């Protein structure tokens, strides 16, 4: 199990990541672009990733990664906090950061 505070702590170590809000929930952004945000349910986090990465994550770790109908057309995946390990959280944070960070930062 991982918490959003732990996700925040890991993400803030990456270049350009800053605290913010999105739809009234805590969020992490890079140069104003959404990296991740806590869902309203408080149980899952949305991460921006490519469609290919999302498909792979959902196929290999279906108890951890999923999407809702709302996110079908968006390059994003949800992570179930109660099912995720610290390693999975660190990996998805870096994946999302690579997706949204400007080329110079990468």
PDB file of N, CA and C in Angstrom:
ATOM      1  N   UNK A   1       0.840  -1.194   0.000  1.00  0.00           N
ATOM      2  CA  UNK A   1       0.000   0.000   0.000  1.00  0.00           C
ATOM      3  C   UNK A   1       0.877   1.246   0.000  1.00  0.00           C
ATOM      4  N   UNK A   2       0.459   2.220  -0.769  1.00  0.00           N
ATOM      5  CA  UNK A   2       1.186   3.487  -0.882  1.00  0.00           C
ATOM      6  C   UNK A   2       0.193   4.626  -0.653  1.00  0.00           C
ATOM      7  N   UNK A   3       0.684   5.765  -0.254  1.00  0.00           N
ATOM      8  CA  UNK A   3      -0.194   6.924  -0.032  1.00  0.00           C
ATOM      9  C   UNK A   3       0.147   8.018  -1.039  1.00  0.00           C
ATOM     10  N   UNK A   4      -0.765   8.970  -1.203  1.00  0.00           N
ATOM     11  CA  UNK A   4      -0.483  10.082  -2.103  1.00  0.00           C
ATOM     12  C   UNK A   4       0.678  10.923  -1.569  1.00  0.00           C
ATOM     13  N   UNK A   5       0.810  11.011  -0.258  1.00  0.00           N
ATOM     14  CA  UNK A   5       1.940  11.749   0.322  1.00  0.00           C
ATOM     15  C   UNK A   5       3.272  11.117  -0.085  1.00  0.00           C
ATOM     16  N   UNK A   6       3.325   9.787  -0.115  1.00  0.00           N
ATOM     17  CA  UNK A   6       4.544   9.101  -0.543  1.00  0.00           C
ATOM     18  C   UNK A   6       4.804   9.350  -2.037  1.00  0.00           C
ATOM     19  N   UNK A   7       3.742   9.344  -2.826  1.00  0.00           N
ATOM     20  CA  UNK A   7       3.861   9.634  -4.255  1.00  0.00           C
ATOM     21  C   UNK A   7       4.388  11.055  -4.445  1.00  0.00           C
ATOM     22  N   UNK A   8       3.830  11.987  -3.699  1.00  0.00           N
ATOM     23  CA  UNK A   8       4.269  13.382  -3.768  1.00  0.00           C
ATOM     24  C   UNK A   8       5.761  13.489  -3.435  1.00  0.00           C
ATOM     25  N   UNK A   9       6.166  12.830  -2.363  1.00  0.00           N
ATOM     26  CA  UNK A   9       7.562  12.876  -1.920  1.00  0.00           C
ATOM     27  C   UNK A   9       8.509  12.376  -3.026  1.00  0.00           C
ATOM     28  N   UNK A  10       8.145  11.264  -3.658  1.00  0.00           N
ATOM     29  CA  UNK A  10       8.963  10.708  -4.738  1.00  0.00           C
ATOM     30  C   UNK A  10       8.980  11.640  -5.953  1.00  0.00           C
ATOM     31  N   UNK A  11       7.823  12.137  -6.327  1.00  0.00           N
ATOM     32  CA  UNK A  11       7.711  12.965  -7.526  1.00  0.00           C
ATOM     33  C   UNK A  11       8.454  14.290  -7.384  1.00  0.00           C
ATOM     34  N   UNK A  12       8.418  14.877  -6.201  1.00  0.00           N
ATOM     35  CA  UNK A  12       9.059  16.181  -5.999  1.00  0.00           C
ATOM     36  C   UNK A  12      10.585  16.122  -6.117  1.00  0.00           C
ATOM     37  N   UNK A  13      11.144  14.917  -6.132  1.00  0.00           N
ATOM     38  CA  UNK A  13      12.587  14.757  -6.324  1.00  0.00           C
ATOM     39  C   UNK A  13      12.977  14.906  -7.797  1.00  0.00           C
ATOM     40  N   UNK A  14      12.001  14.805  -8.697  1.00  0.00           N
ATOM     41  CA  UNK A  14      12.271  14.912 -10.133  1.00  0.00           C
ATOM     42  C   UNK A  14      12.283  16.384 -10.555  1.00  0.00           C
ATOM     43  N   UNK A  15      13.106  16.721 -11.553  1.00  0.00           N
ATOM     44  CA  UNK A  15      13.213  18.114 -11.995  1.00  0.00           C
ATOM     45  C   UNK A  15      11.877  18.701 -12.451  1.00  0.00           C
ATOM     46  N   UNK A  16      11.571  19.888 -11.935  1.00  0.00           N
ATOM     47  CA  UNK A  16      10.404  20.627 -12.400  1.00  0.00           C
ATOM     48  C   UNK A  16       9.067  20.241 -11.798  1.00  0.00           C
ATOM     49  N   UNK A  17       9.016  19.218 -10.962  1.00  0.00           N
ATOM     50  CA  UNK A  17       7.733  18.783 -10.392  1.00  0.00           C
ATOM     51  C   UNK A  17       7.341  19.729  -9.263  1.00  0.00           C
ATOM     52  N   UNK A  18       6.066  20.125  -9.281  1.00  0.00           N
ATOM     53  CA  UNK A  18       5.558  21.026  -8.250  1.00  0.00           C
ATOM     54  C   UNK A  18       4.174  20.583  -7.783  1.00  0.00           C
ATOM     55  N   UNK A  19       3.851  20.967  -6.561  1.00  0.00           N
ATOM     56  CA  UNK A  19       2.529  20.708  -5.998  1.00  0.00           C
ATOM     57  C   UNK A  19       1.499  21.593  -6.686  1.00  0.00           C
ATOM     58  N   UNK A  20       0.287  21.083  -6.805  1.00  0.00           N
ATOM     59  CA  UNK A  20      -0.798  21.872  -7.362  1.00  0.00           C
ATOM     60  C   UNK A  20      -2.121  21.222  -7.018  1.00  0.00           C
ATOM     61  N   UNK A  21      -3.159  21.649  -7.704  1.00  0.00           N
ATOM     62  CA  UNK A  21      -4.466  21.023  -7.552  1.00  0.00           C
ATOM     63  C   UNK A  21      -5.064  20.820  -8.935  1.00  0.00           C
ATOM     64  N   UNK A  22      -5.970  19.880  -9.022  1.00  0.00           N
ATOM     65  CA  UNK A  22      -6.694  19.603 -10.250  1.00  0.00           C
ATOM     66  C   UNK A  22      -8.075  19.104  -9.868  1.00  0.00           C
ATOM     67  N   UNK A  23      -9.099  19.761 -10.370  1.00  0.00           N
ATOM     68  CA  UNK A  23     -10.478  19.410 -10.022  1.00  0.00           C
ATOM     69  C   UNK A  23     -10.676  19.354  -8.511  1.00  0.00           C
ATOM     70  N   UNK A  24     -10.000  20.268  -7.796  1.00  0.00           N
ATOM     71  CA  UNK A  24     -10.168  20.367  -6.350  1.00  0.00           C
ATOM     72  C   UNK A  24      -9.444  19.306  -5.543  1.00  0.00           C
ATOM     73  N   UNK A  25      -8.595  18.506  -6.201  1.00  0.00           N
ATOM     74  CA  UNK A  25      -7.850  17.474  -5.475  1.00  0.00           C
ATOM     75  C   UNK A  25      -6.358  17.759  -5.583  1.00  0.00           C
ATOM     76  N   UNK A  26      -5.551  17.228  -4.642  1.00  0.00           N
ATOM     77  CA  UNK A  26      -4.100  17.424  -4.721  1.00  0.00           C
ATOM     78  C   UNK A  26      -3.563  16.851  -6.031  1.00  0.00           C
ATOM     79  N   UNK A  27      -2.623  17.584  -6.623  1.00  0.00           N
ATOM     80  CA  UNK A  27      -2.067  17.155  -7.905  1.00  0.00           C
ATOM     81  C   UNK A  27      -0.580  17.486  -7.949  1.00  0.00           C
ATOM     82  N   UNK A  28       0.095  16.856  -8.892  1.00  0.00           N
ATOM     83  CA  UNK A  28       1.507  17.119  -9.159  1.00  0.00           C
ATOM     84  C   UNK A  28       1.611  17.523 -10.615  1.00  0.00           C
ATOM     85  N   UNK A  29       2.375  18.590 -10.875  1.00  0.00           N
ATOM     86  CA  UNK A  29       2.479  19.118 -12.234  1.00  0.00           C
ATOM     87  C   UNK A  29       3.934  19.393 -12.584  1.00  0.00           C
ATOM     88  N   UNK A  30       4.184  19.457 -13.886  1.00  0.00           N
ATOM     89  CA  UNK A  30       5.494  19.847 -14.421  1.00  0.00           C
ATOM     90  C   UNK A  30       5.225  20.990 -15.385  1.00  0.00           C
ATOM     91  N   UNK A  31       5.739  22.185 -15.070  1.00  0.00           N
ATOM     92  CA  UNK A  31       5.514  23.377 -15.906  1.00  0.00           C
ATOM     93  C   UNK A  31       4.025  23.562 -16.211  1.00  0.00           C
ATOM     94  N   UNK A  32       3.175  23.336 -15.200  1.00  0.00           N
ATOM     95  CA  UNK A  32       1.736  23.514 -15.361  1.00  0.00           C
ATOM     96  C   UNK A  32       1.002  22.341 -15.988  1.00  0.00           C
ATOM     97  N   UNK A  33       1.749  21.349 -16.481  1.00  0.00           N
ATOM     98  CA  UNK A  33       1.107  20.169 -17.086  1.00  0.00           C
ATOM     99  C   UNK A  33       0.881  19.105 -16.018  1.00  0.00           C
ATOM    100  N   UNK A  34      -0.301  18.524 -16.034  1.00  0.00           N
ATOM    101  CA  UNK A  34      -0.641  17.504 -15.049  1.00  0.00           C
ATOM    102  C   UNK A  34       0.247  16.268 -15.191  1.00  0.00           C
ATOM    103  N   UNK A  35       0.824  15.854 -14.084  1.00  0.00           N
ATOM    104  CA  UNK A  35       1.616  14.624 -14.004  1.00  0.00           C
ATOM    105  C   UNK A  35       0.746  13.544 -13.365  1.00  0.00           C
ATOM    106  N   UNK A  36       0.129  13.895 -12.232  1.00  0.00           N
ATOM    107  CA  UNK A  36      -0.714  12.959 -11.479  1.00  0.00           C
ATOM    108  C   UNK A  36      -1.650  13.737 -10.577  1.00  0.00           C
ATOM    109  N   UNK A  37      -2.763  13.120 -10.242  1.00  0.00           N
ATOM    110  CA  UNK A  37      -3.662  13.740  -9.267  1.00  0.00           C
ATOM    111  C   UNK A  37      -4.409  12.667  -8.489  1.00  0.00           C
ATOM    112  N   UNK A  38      -4.711  12.992  -7.247  1.00  0.00           N
ATOM    113  CA  UNK A  38      -5.507  12.106  -6.408  1.00  0.00           C
ATOM    114  C   UNK A  38      -6.954  12.183  -6.869  1.00  0.00           C
ATOM    115  N   UNK A  39      -7.574  11.046  -7.094  1.00  0.00           N
ATOM    116  CA  UNK A  39      -8.984  11.034  -7.483  1.00  0.00           C
ATOM    117  C   UNK A  39      -9.851  11.420  -6.294  1.00  0.00           C
ATOM    118  N   UNK A  40     -11.062  11.848  -6.584  1.00  0.00           N
ATOM    119  CA  UNK A  40     -11.991  12.270  -5.532  1.00  0.00           C
ATOM    120  C   UNK A  40     -12.272  11.174  -4.516  1.00  0.00           C
ATOM    121  N   UNK A  41     -12.155   9.914  -4.933  1.00  0.00           N
ATOM    122  CA  UNK A  41     -12.422   8.797  -4.011  1.00  0.00           C
ATOM    123  C   UNK A  41     -11.321   8.632  -2.952  1.00  0.00           C
ATOM    124  N   UNK A  42     -10.163   9.287  -3.178  1.00  0.00           N
ATOM    125  CA  UNK A  42      -9.053   9.177  -2.231  1.00  0.00           C
ATOM    126  C   UNK A  42      -8.365   7.819  -2.255  1.00  0.00           C
ATOM    127  N   UNK A  43      -8.811   6.929  -3.135  1.00  0.00           N
ATOM    128  CA  UNK A  43      -8.292   5.556  -3.195  1.00  0.00           C
ATOM    129  C   UNK A  43      -7.418   5.289  -4.410  1.00  0.00           C
ATOM    130  N   UNK A  44      -7.456   6.209  -5.374  1.00  0.00           N
ATOM    131  CA  UNK A  44      -6.699   5.990  -6.600  1.00  0.00           C
ATOM    132  C   UNK A  44      -6.090   7.300  -7.092  1.00  0.00           C
ATOM    133  N   UNK A  45      -5.063   7.155  -7.921  1.00  0.00           N
ATOM    134  CA  UNK A  45      -4.336   8.302  -8.469  1.00  0.00           C
ATOM    135  C   UNK A  45      -4.301   8.161  -9.985  1.00  0.00           C
ATOM    136  N   UNK A  46      -4.559   9.254 -10.684  1.00  0.00           N
ATOM    137  CA  UNK A  46      -4.477   9.294 -12.140  1.00  0.00           C
ATOM    138  C   UNK A  46      -3.069   9.718 -12.523  1.00  0.00           C
ATOM    139  N   UNK A  47      -2.447   8.978 -13.414  1.00  0.00           N
ATOM    140  CA  UNK A  47      -1.121   9.324 -13.942  1.00  0.00           C
ATOM    141  C   UNK A  47      -1.206   9.498 -15.445  1.00  0.00           C
ATOM    142  N   UNK A  48      -0.516  10.486 -15.991  1.00  0.00           N
ATOM    143  CA  UNK A  48      -0.434  10.682 -17.441  1.00  0.00           C
ATOM    144  C   UNK A  48       0.654   9.763 -17.987  1.00  0.00           C
ATOM    145  N   UNK A  49       0.272   8.864 -18.872  1.00  0.00           N
ATOM    146  CA  UNK A  49       1.220   7.948 -19.532  1.00  0.00           C
ATOM    147  C   UNK A  49       0.749   7.736 -20.972  1.00  0.00           C
ATOM    148  N   UNK A  50       1.609   7.150 -21.798  1.00  0.00           N
ATOM    149  CA  UNK A  50       1.200   6.866 -23.174  1.00  0.00           C
ATOM    150  C   UNK A  50       0.153   5.747 -23.188  1.00  0.00           C
ATOM    151  N   UNK A  51      -0.570   5.658 -24.285  1.00  0.00           N
ATOM    152  CA  UNK A  51      -1.561   4.588 -24.414  1.00  0.00           C
ATOM    153  C   UNK A  51      -0.894   3.212 -24.362  1.00  0.00           C
ATOM    154  N   UNK A  52       0.286   3.080 -24.988  1.00  0.00           N
ATOM    155  CA  UNK A  52       0.996   1.796 -24.978  1.00  0.00           C
ATOM    156  C   UNK A  52       1.412   1.410 -23.556  1.00  0.00           C
ATOM    157  N   UNK A  53       1.937   2.389 -22.808  1.00  0.00           N
ATOM    158  CA  UNK A  53       2.337   2.116 -21.421  1.00  0.00           C
ATOM    159  C   UNK A  53       1.117   1.724 -20.591  1.00  0.00           C
ATOM    160  N   UNK A  54       0.017   2.448 -20.806  1.00  0.00           N
ATOM    161  CA  UNK A  54      -1.217   2.141 -20.074  1.00  0.00           C
ATOM    162  C   UNK A  54      -1.668   0.710 -20.340  1.00  0.00           C
ATOM    163  N   UNK A  55      -1.692   0.316 -21.598  1.00  0.00           N
ATOM    164  CA  UNK A  55      -2.126  -1.040 -21.956  1.00  0.00           C
ATOM    165  C   UNK A  55      -1.238  -2.088 -21.298  1.00  0.00           C
ATOM    166  N   UNK A  56       0.070  -1.862 -21.340  1.00  0.00           N
ATOM    167  CA  UNK A  56       1.014  -2.800 -20.741  1.00  0.00           C
ATOM    168  C   UNK A  56       0.807  -2.895 -19.225  1.00  0.00           C
ATOM    169  N   UNK A  57       0.651  -1.761 -18.571  1.00  0.00           N
ATOM    170  CA  UNK A  57       0.442  -1.754 -17.112  1.00  0.00           C
ATOM    171  C   UNK A  57      -0.834  -2.506 -16.733  1.00  0.00           C
ATOM    172  N   UNK A  58      -1.909  -2.262 -17.479  1.00  0.00           N
ATOM    173  CA  UNK A  58      -3.186  -2.906 -17.152  1.00  0.00           C
ATOM    174  C   UNK A  58      -3.140  -4.406 -17.435  1.00  0.00           C
ATOM    175  N   UNK A  59      -2.380  -4.807 -18.442  1.00  0.00           N
ATOM    176  CA  UNK A  59      -2.262  -6.239 -18.756  1.00  0.00           C
ATOM    177  C   UNK A  59      -1.413  -6.973 -17.723  1.00  0.00           C
ATOM    178  N   UNK A  60      -0.330  -6.332 -17.289  1.00  0.00           N
ATOM    179  CA  UNK A  60       0.606  -7.017 -16.393  1.00  0.00           C
ATOM    180  C   UNK A  60       0.244  -6.888 -14.913  1.00  0.00           C
ATOM    181  N   UNK A  61      -0.446  -5.809 -14.534  1.00  0.00           N
ATOM    182  CA  UNK A  61      -0.806  -5.578 -13.128  1.00  0.00           C
ATOM    183  C   UNK A  61      -2.262  -5.111 -13.016  1.00  0.00           C
ATOM    184  N   UNK A  62      -3.227  -5.960 -13.397  1.00  0.00           N
ATOM    185  CA  UNK A  62      -4.637  -5.527 -13.432  1.00  0.00           C
ATOM    186  C   UNK A  62      -5.237  -5.176 -12.062  1.00  0.00           C
ATOM    187  N   UNK A  63      -4.638  -5.665 -10.990  1.00  0.00           N
ATOM    188  CA  UNK A  63      -5.155  -5.324  -9.656  1.00  0.00           C
ATOM    189  C   UNK A  63      -4.675  -3.932  -9.214  1.00  0.00           C
ATOM    190  N   UNK A  64      -3.618  -3.453  -9.864  1.00  0.00           N
ATOM    191  CA  UNK A  64      -3.017  -2.176  -9.493  1.00  0.00           C
ATOM    192  C   UNK A  64      -3.446  -1.058 -10.444  1.00  0.00           C
ATOM    193  N   UNK A  65      -3.410  -1.334 -11.761  1.00  0.00           N
ATOM    194  CA  UNK A  65      -3.670  -0.306 -12.771  1.00  0.00           C
ATOM    195  C   UNK A  65      -4.963  -0.582 -13.522  1.00  0.00           C
ATOM    196  N   UNK A  66      -5.748   0.485 -13.749  1.00  0.00           N
ATOM    197  CA  UNK A  66      -7.038   0.356 -14.420  1.00  0.00           C
ATOM    198  C   UNK A  66      -7.431   1.705 -15.014  1.00  0.00           C
ATOM    199  N   UNK A  67      -8.515   1.723 -15.776  1.00  0.00           N
ATOM    200  CA  UNK A  67      -9.081   2.989 -16.230  1.00  0.00           C
ATOM    201  C   UNK A  67     -10.587   2.945 -16.049  1.00  0.00           C
ATOM    202  N   UNK A  68     -11.181   4.109 -16.096  1.00  0.00           N
ATOM    203  CA  UNK A  68     -12.637   4.226 -16.097  1.00  0.00           C
ATOM    204  C   UNK A  68     -13.031   4.717 -17.492  1.00  0.00           C
ATOM    205  N   UNK A  69     -14.309   4.661 -17.807  1.00  0.00           N
ATOM    206  CA  UNK A  69     -14.779   5.111 -19.118  1.00  0.00           C
ATOM    207  C   UNK A  69     -14.326   6.539 -19.417  1.00  0.00           C
ATOM    208  N   UNK A  70     -14.286   7.376 -18.386  1.00  0.00           N
ATOM    209  CA  UNK A  70     -13.886   8.776 -18.561  1.00  0.00           C
ATOM    210  C   UNK A  70     -12.500   8.905 -19.190  1.00  0.00           C
ATOM    211  N   UNK A  71     -11.604   7.995 -18.861  1.00  0.00           N
ATOM    212  CA  UNK A  71     -10.215   8.095 -19.323  1.00  0.00           C
ATOM    213  C   UNK A  71      -9.897   7.299 -20.583  1.00  0.00           C
ATOM    214  N   UNK A  72     -10.902   6.656 -21.191  1.00  0.00           N
ATOM    215  CA  UNK A  72     -10.659   5.843 -22.383  1.00  0.00           C
ATOM    216  C   UNK A  72      -9.906   6.595 -23.474  1.00  0.00           C
ATOM    217  N   UNK A  73     -10.279   7.839 -23.730  1.00  0.00           N
ATOM    218  CA  UNK A  73      -9.664   8.609 -24.802  1.00  0.00           C
ATOM    219  C   UNK A  73      -8.472   9.448 -24.383  1.00  0.00           C
ATOM    220  N   UNK A  74      -8.072   9.354 -23.123  1.00  0.00           N
ATOM    221  CA  UNK A  74      -6.958  10.155 -22.607  1.00  0.00           C
ATOM    222  C   UNK A  74      -5.737   9.285 -22.337  1.00  0.00           C
ATOM    223  N   UNK A  75      -4.543   9.818 -22.575  1.00  0.00           N
ATOM    224  CA  UNK A  75      -3.326   9.067 -22.246  1.00  0.00           C
ATOM    225  C   UNK A  75      -3.091   9.108 -20.739  1.00  0.00           C
ATOM    226  N   UNK A  76      -3.805   8.261 -20.032  1.00  0.00           N
ATOM    227  CA  UNK A  76      -3.746   8.239 -18.570  1.00  0.00           C
ATOM    228  C   UNK A  76      -4.122   6.854 -18.061  1.00  0.00           C
ATOM    229  N   UNK A  77      -3.662   6.555 -16.840  1.00  0.00           N
ATOM    230  CA  UNK A  77      -4.007   5.299 -16.178  1.00  0.00           C
ATOM    231  C   UNK A  77      -4.248   5.607 -14.705  1.00  0.00           C
ATOM    232  N   UNK A  78      -5.092   4.827 -14.064  1.00  0.00           N
ATOM    233  CA  UNK A  78      -5.330   4.977 -12.637  1.00  0.00           C
ATOM    234  C   UNK A  78      -4.600   3.879 -11.884  1.00  0.00           C
ATOM    235  N   UNK A  79      -4.092   4.245 -10.704  1.00  0.00           N
ATOM    236  CA  UNK A  79      -3.410   3.282  -9.846  1.00  0.00           C
ATOM    237  C   UNK A  79      -4.171   3.182  -8.534  1.00  0.00           C
ATOM    238  N   UNK A  80      -4.502   1.957  -8.161  1.00  0.00           N
ATOM    239  CA  UNK A  80      -5.196   1.679  -6.900  1.00  0.00           C
ATOM    240  C   UNK A  80      -4.168   1.757  -5.771  1.00  0.00           C
ATOM    241  N   UNK A  81      -4.279   2.754  -4.898  1.00  0.00           N
ATOM    242  CA  UNK A  81      -3.284   2.955  -3.842  1.00  0.00           C
ATOM    243  C   UNK A  81      -3.129   1.732  -2.941  1.00  0.00           C
ATOM    244  N   UNK A  82      -4.224   1.094  -2.582  1.00  0.00           N
ATOM    245  CA  UNK A  82      -4.168  -0.028  -1.640  1.00  0.00           C
ATOM    246  C   UNK A  82      -3.479  -1.261  -2.228  1.00  0.00           C
ATOM    247  N   UNK A  83      -3.374  -1.327  -3.564  1.00  0.00           N
ATOM    248  CA  UNK A  83      -2.778  -2.501  -4.216  1.00  0.00           C
ATOM    249  C   UNK A  83      -1.357  -2.250  -4.704  1.00  0.00           C
ATOM    250  N   UNK A  84      -0.905  -1.003  -4.656  1.00  0.00           N
ATOM    251  CA  UNK A  84       0.385  -0.642  -5.256  1.00  0.00           C
ATOM    252  C   UNK A  84       1.542  -0.756  -4.275  1.00  0.00           C
ATOM    253  N   UNK A  85       2.690  -1.142  -4.810  1.00  0.00           N
ATOM    254  CA  UNK A  85       3.923  -1.195  -4.025  1.00  0.00           C
ATOM    255  C   UNK A  85       4.697   0.111  -4.225  1.00  0.00           C
ATOM    256  N   UNK A  86       5.677   0.349  -3.372  1.00  0.00           N
ATOM    257  CA  UNK A  86       6.524   1.538  -3.502  1.00  0.00           C
ATOM    258  C   UNK A  86       7.263   1.513  -4.836  1.00  0.00           C
ATOM    259  N   UNK A  87       7.722   0.331  -5.266  1.00  0.00           N
ATOM    260  CA  UNK A  87       8.430   0.195  -6.538  1.00  0.00           C
ATOM    261  C   UNK A  87       7.513   0.538  -7.710  1.00  0.00           C
ATOM    262  N   UNK A  88       6.275   0.044  -7.677  1.00  0.00           N
ATOM    263  CA  UNK A  88       5.328   0.356  -8.748  1.00  0.00           C
ATOM    264  C   UNK A  88       5.038   1.853  -8.787  1.00  0.00           C
ATOM    265  N   UNK A  89       4.916   2.464  -7.616  1.00  0.00           N
ATOM    266  CA  UNK A  89       4.671   3.901  -7.551  1.00  0.00           C
ATOM    267  C   UNK A  89       5.851   4.671  -8.130  1.00  0.00           C
ATOM    268  N   UNK A  90       7.075   4.300  -7.750  1.00  0.00           N
ATOM    269  CA  UNK A  90       8.268   4.973  -8.265  1.00  0.00           C
ATOM    270  C   UNK A  90       8.350   4.832  -9.781  1.00  0.00           C
ATOM    271  N   UNK A  91       8.045   3.648 -10.301  1.00  0.00           N
ATOM    272  CA  UNK A  91       8.104   3.408 -11.744  1.00  0.00           C
ATOM    273  C   UNK A  91       7.076   4.243 -12.507  1.00  0.00           C
ATOM    274  N   UNK A  92       5.841   4.288 -12.017  1.00  0.00           N
ATOM    275  CA  UNK A  92       4.790   5.029 -12.729  1.00  0.00           C
ATOM    276  C   UNK A  92       5.036   6.535 -12.638  1.00  0.00           C
ATOM    277  N   UNK A  93       5.592   6.999 -11.532  1.00  0.00           N
ATOM    278  CA  UNK A  93       5.920   8.425 -11.400  1.00  0.00           C
ATOM    279  C   UNK A  93       6.950   8.806 -12.454  1.00  0.00           C
ATOM    280  N   UNK A  94       7.992   7.986 -12.596  1.00  0.00           N
ATOM    281  CA  UNK A  94       9.026   8.291 -13.592  1.00  0.00           C
ATOM    282  C   UNK A  94       8.467   8.211 -15.011  1.00  0.00           C
ATOM    283  N   UNK A  95       7.609   7.229 -15.254  1.00  0.00           N
ATOM    284  CA  UNK A  95       6.974   7.067 -16.565  1.00  0.00           C
ATOM    285  C   UNK A  95       6.147   8.314 -16.900  1.00  0.00           C
ATOM    286  N   UNK A  96       5.353   8.763 -15.935  1.00  0.00           N
ATOM    287  CA  UNK A  96       4.502   9.945 -16.141  1.00  0.00           C
ATOM    288  C   UNK A  96       5.362  11.194 -16.320  1.00  0.00           C
ATOM    289  N   UNK A  97       6.434  11.288 -15.537  1.00  0.00           N
ATOM    290  CA  UNK A  97       7.323  12.451 -15.645  1.00  0.00           C
ATOM    291  C   UNK A  97       7.939  12.515 -17.044  1.00  0.00           C
ATOM    292  N   UNK A  98       8.404  11.381 -17.562  1.00  0.00           N
ATOM    293  CA  UNK A  98       8.978  11.348 -18.915  1.00  0.00           C
ATOM    294  C   UNK A  98       7.945  11.757 -19.965  1.00  0.00           C
ATOM    295  N   UNK A  99       6.675  11.441 -19.699  1.00  0.00           N
ATOM    296  CA  UNK A  99       5.607  11.764 -20.644  1.00  0.00           C
ATOM    297  C   UNK A  99       5.304  13.265 -20.673  1.00  0.00           C
ATOM    298  N   UNK A 100       5.334  13.935 -19.531  1.00  0.00           N
ATOM    299  CA  UNK A 100       4.928  15.349 -19.476  1.00  0.00           C
ATOM    300  C   UNK A 100       6.074  16.356 -19.382  1.00  0.00           C
ATOM    301  N   UNK A 101       7.250  15.929 -18.957  1.00  0.00           N
ATOM    302  CA  UNK A 101       8.366  16.865 -18.778  1.00  0.00           C
ATOM    303  C   UNK A 101       8.871  17.361 -20.138  1.00  0.00           C
ATOM    304  N   UNK A 102       9.299  18.624 -20.183  1.00  0.00           N
ATOM    305  CA  UNK A 102       9.872  19.135 -21.426  1.00  0.00           C
ATOM    306  C   UNK A 102      11.154  18.389 -21.773  1.00  0.00           C
ATOM    307  N   UNK A 103      11.478  18.318 -23.049  1.00  0.00           N
ATOM    308  CA  UNK A 103      12.663  17.574 -23.506  1.00  0.00           C
ATOM    309  C   UNK A 103      13.930  17.999 -22.774  1.00  0.00           C
ATOM    310  N   UNK A 104      14.102  19.303 -22.535  1.00  0.00           N
ATOM    311  CA  UNK A 104      15.297  19.797 -21.849  1.00  0.00           C
ATOM    312  C   UNK A 104      15.452  19.183 -20.475  1.00  0.00           C
ATOM    313  N   UNK A 105      14.348  19.017 -19.765  1.00  0.00           N
ATOM    314  CA  UNK A 105      14.392  18.476 -18.386  1.00  0.00           C
ATOM    315  C   UNK A 105      14.770  16.999 -18.385  1.00  0.00           C
ATOM    316  N   UNK A 106      14.359  16.276 -19.432  1.00  0.00           N
ATOM    317  CA  UNK A 106      14.635  14.850 -19.520  1.00  0.00           C
ATOM    318  C   UNK A 106      16.092  14.627 -19.841  1.00  0.00           C
TER     319      UNK A 106
END
